[in-house]
Amino acid sequence: MRHKICLLLLVCAAIAHAQDPNLARNLAATCANCHGTNGKSIGDNKSLAGEPKEKILRKLQEFRSGEKPSSIMQQIANGYTDAQLELIASYFAERK
């Protein structure tokens, strides 16, 4: 019985996660301090708005693996699941 309850809770959490229309925006908000609101940087850091999704996702994966050295991005990228990184990359790619 305990396993059925755990499974039910996981399914409910996944459904709620999928139904949040602001999830991508909320995840991407972490990037605003360095890359600007909606990915439009006004400082020295690269703007992410309008970049191709595949390019953003590849860079995030390179940071995560350590292939691309960084002072902070590896830690940030490791804090997200693959699905969350996909959402973040999609969000910035859709910004103009």
C-alpha atoms as a PDB file:
ATOM      1  CA  MET A   1       0.000   0.000   0.000  1.00  0.00           C
ATOM      2  CA  ARG A   2       2.804   2.401   0.887  1.00  0.00           C
ATOM      3  CA  HIS A   3       4.351   1.988  -2.593  1.00  0.00           C
ATOM      4  CA  LYS A   4       1.010   2.765  -4.254  1.00  0.00           C
ATOM      5  CA  ILE A   5       0.682   5.971  -2.248  1.00  0.00           C
ATOM      6  CA  CYS A   6       4.235   7.033  -3.141  1.00  0.00           C
ATOM      7  CA  LEU A   7       3.587   6.306  -6.806  1.00  0.00           C
ATOM      8  CA  LEU A   8       0.340   8.270  -6.704  1.00  0.00           C
ATOM      9  CA  LEU A   9       2.105  11.247  -5.106  1.00  0.00           C
ATOM     10  CA  LEU A  10       4.821  11.155  -7.767  1.00  0.00           C
ATOM     11  CA  VAL A  11       2.255  11.052 -10.553  1.00  0.00           C
ATOM     12  CA  CYS A  12       0.330  13.959  -9.030  1.00  0.00           C
ATOM     13  CA  ALA A  13       3.527  15.987  -8.672  1.00  0.00           C
ATOM     14  CA  ALA A  14       4.445  15.296 -12.300  1.00  0.00           C
ATOM     15  CA  ILE A  15       0.998  16.393 -13.493  1.00  0.00           C
ATOM     16  CA  ALA A  16       1.146  19.595 -11.455  1.00  0.00           C
ATOM     17  CA  HIS A  17       4.666  20.243 -12.737  1.00  0.00           C
ATOM     18  CA  ALA A  18       3.524  19.825 -16.351  1.00  0.00           C
ATOM     19  CA  GLN A  19       0.509  22.117 -15.887  1.00  0.00           C
ATOM     20  CA  ASP A  20       2.399  25.133 -14.549  1.00  0.00           C
ATOM     21  CA  PRO A  21       2.369  27.601 -17.461  1.00  0.00           C
ATOM     22  CA  ASN A  22       5.038  29.750 -15.789  1.00  0.00           C
ATOM     23  CA  LEU A  23       7.474  26.983 -14.944  1.00  0.00           C
ATOM     24  CA  ALA A  24       9.995  27.780 -17.704  1.00  0.00           C
ATOM     25  CA  ARG A  25       9.917  31.480 -16.827  1.00  0.00           C
ATOM     26  CA  ASN A  26      10.335  30.740 -13.135  1.00  0.00           C
ATOM     27  CA  LEU A  27      13.295  28.435 -13.747  1.00  0.00           C
ATOM     28  CA  ALA A  28      14.915  30.954 -16.094  1.00  0.00           C
ATOM     29  CA  ALA A  29      14.550  33.729 -13.503  1.00  0.00           C
ATOM     30  CA  THR A  30      17.685  32.374 -11.827  1.00  0.00           C
ATOM     31  CA  CYS A  31      19.659  33.551 -14.861  1.00  0.00           C
ATOM     32  CA  ALA A  32      18.475  37.170 -14.657  1.00  0.00           C
ATOM     33  CA  ASN A  33      21.158  38.350 -12.227  1.00  0.00           C
ATOM     34  CA  CYS A  34      23.910  37.739 -14.784  1.00  0.00           C
ATOM     35  CA  HIS A  35      22.132  37.488 -18.140  1.00  0.00           C
ATOM     36  CA  GLY A  36      19.438  40.137 -17.676  1.00  0.00           C
ATOM     37  CA  THR A  37      15.687  40.045 -17.407  1.00  0.00           C
ATOM     38  CA  ASN A  38      14.303  37.710 -20.057  1.00  0.00           C
ATOM     39  CA  GLY A  39      17.863  36.987 -21.149  1.00  0.00           C
ATOM     40  CA  LYS A  40      18.633  40.524 -22.352  1.00  0.00           C
ATOM     41  CA  SER A  41      21.944  41.364 -20.723  1.00  0.00           C
ATOM     42  CA  ILE A  42      22.953  44.971 -20.143  1.00  0.00           C
ATOM     43  CA  GLY A  43      26.339  44.066 -18.707  1.00  0.00           C
ATOM     44  CA  ASP A  44      29.352  42.083 -19.796  1.00  0.00           C
ATOM     45  CA  ASN A  45      27.587  38.706 -19.718  1.00  0.00           C
ATOM     46  CA  LYS A  46      26.157  37.250 -22.906  1.00  0.00           C
ATOM     47  CA  SER A  47      22.490  37.806 -23.706  1.00  0.00           C
ATOM     48  CA  LEU A  48      20.528  34.585 -24.030  1.00  0.00           C
ATOM     49  CA  ALA A  49      17.349  35.973 -25.591  1.00  0.00           C
ATOM     50  CA  GLY A  50      16.780  34.677 -29.110  1.00  0.00           C
ATOM     51  CA  GLU A  51      19.714  32.264 -29.098  1.00  0.00           C
ATOM     52  CA  PRO A  52      18.891  28.872 -30.646  1.00  0.00           C
ATOM     53  CA  LYS A  53      17.588  26.376 -28.112  1.00  0.00           C
ATOM     54  CA  GLU A  54      20.118  23.743 -29.171  1.00  0.00           C
ATOM     55  CA  LYS A  55      23.015  26.157 -28.630  1.00  0.00           C
ATOM     56  CA  ILE A  56      21.845  27.166 -25.152  1.00  0.00           C
ATOM     57  CA  LEU A  57      21.178  23.564 -24.165  1.00  0.00           C
ATOM     58  CA  ARG A  58      24.568  22.414 -25.465  1.00  0.00           C
ATOM     59  CA  LYS A  59      26.356  25.107 -23.442  1.00  0.00           C
ATOM     60  CA  LEU A  60      24.401  24.231 -20.306  1.00  0.00           C
ATOM     61  CA  GLN A  61      25.332  20.581 -20.754  1.00  0.00           C
ATOM     62  CA  GLU A  62      28.990  21.512 -21.320  1.00  0.00           C
ATOM     63  CA  PHE A  63      28.976  23.554 -18.112  1.00  0.00           C
ATOM     64  CA  ARG A  64      27.282  20.710 -16.239  1.00  0.00           C
ATOM     65  CA  SER A  65      29.822  18.118 -17.373  1.00  0.00           C
ATOM     66  CA  GLY A  66      32.781  20.406 -16.719  1.00  0.00           C
ATOM     67  CA  GLU A  67      33.743  20.309 -20.400  1.00  0.00           C
ATOM     68  CA  LYS A  68      33.358  24.102 -20.439  1.00  0.00           C
ATOM     69  CA  PRO A  69      35.159  25.583 -17.420  1.00  0.00           C
ATOM     70  CA  SER A  70      33.311  28.150 -15.331  1.00  0.00           C
ATOM     71  CA  SER A  71      33.316  29.690 -11.926  1.00  0.00           C
ATOM     72  CA  ILE A  72      29.582  29.345 -11.254  1.00  0.00           C
ATOM     73  CA  MET A  73      27.737  27.870 -14.238  1.00  0.00           C
ATOM     74  CA  GLN A  74      28.669  24.263 -13.472  1.00  0.00           C
ATOM     75  CA  GLN A  75      27.065  24.574 -10.052  1.00  0.00           C
ATOM     76  CA  ILE A  76      23.968  26.221 -11.489  1.00  0.00           C
ATOM     77  CA  ALA A  77      23.541  23.707 -14.337  1.00  0.00           C
ATOM     78  CA  ASN A  78      23.962  20.795 -11.926  1.00  0.00           C
ATOM     79  CA  GLY A  79      21.000  22.128  -9.949  1.00  0.00           C
ATOM     80  CA  TYR A  80      18.562  21.350 -12.756  1.00  0.00           C
ATOM     81  CA  THR A  81      17.227  18.171 -14.307  1.00  0.00           C
ATOM     82  CA  ASP A  82      17.580  17.553 -18.046  1.00  0.00           C
ATOM     83  CA  ALA A  83      13.904  18.428 -18.485  1.00  0.00           C
ATOM     84  CA  GLN A  84      14.350  21.702 -16.609  1.00  0.00           C
ATOM     85  CA  LEU A  85      17.379  22.641 -18.724  1.00  0.00           C
ATOM     86  CA  GLU A  86      15.251  21.982 -21.831  1.00  0.00           C
ATOM     87  CA  LEU A  87      12.574  24.333 -20.489  1.00  0.00           C
ATOM     88  CA  ILE A  88      15.129  27.046 -19.725  1.00  0.00           C
ATOM     89  CA  ALA A  89      16.738  26.756 -23.166  1.00  0.00           C
ATOM     90  CA  SER A  90      13.319  26.884 -24.845  1.00  0.00           C
ATOM     91  CA  TYR A  91      12.295  29.892 -22.798  1.00  0.00           C
ATOM     92  CA  PHE A  92      15.317  31.964 -23.830  1.00  0.00           C
ATOM     93  CA  ALA A  93      15.143  30.814 -27.449  1.00  0.00           C
ATOM     94  CA  GLU A  94      11.565  32.124 -27.631  1.00  0.00           C
ATOM     95  CA  ARG A  95      12.520  35.586 -26.320  1.00  0.00           C
ATOM     96  CA  LYS A  96      13.266  38.197 -28.978  1.00  0.00           C
END
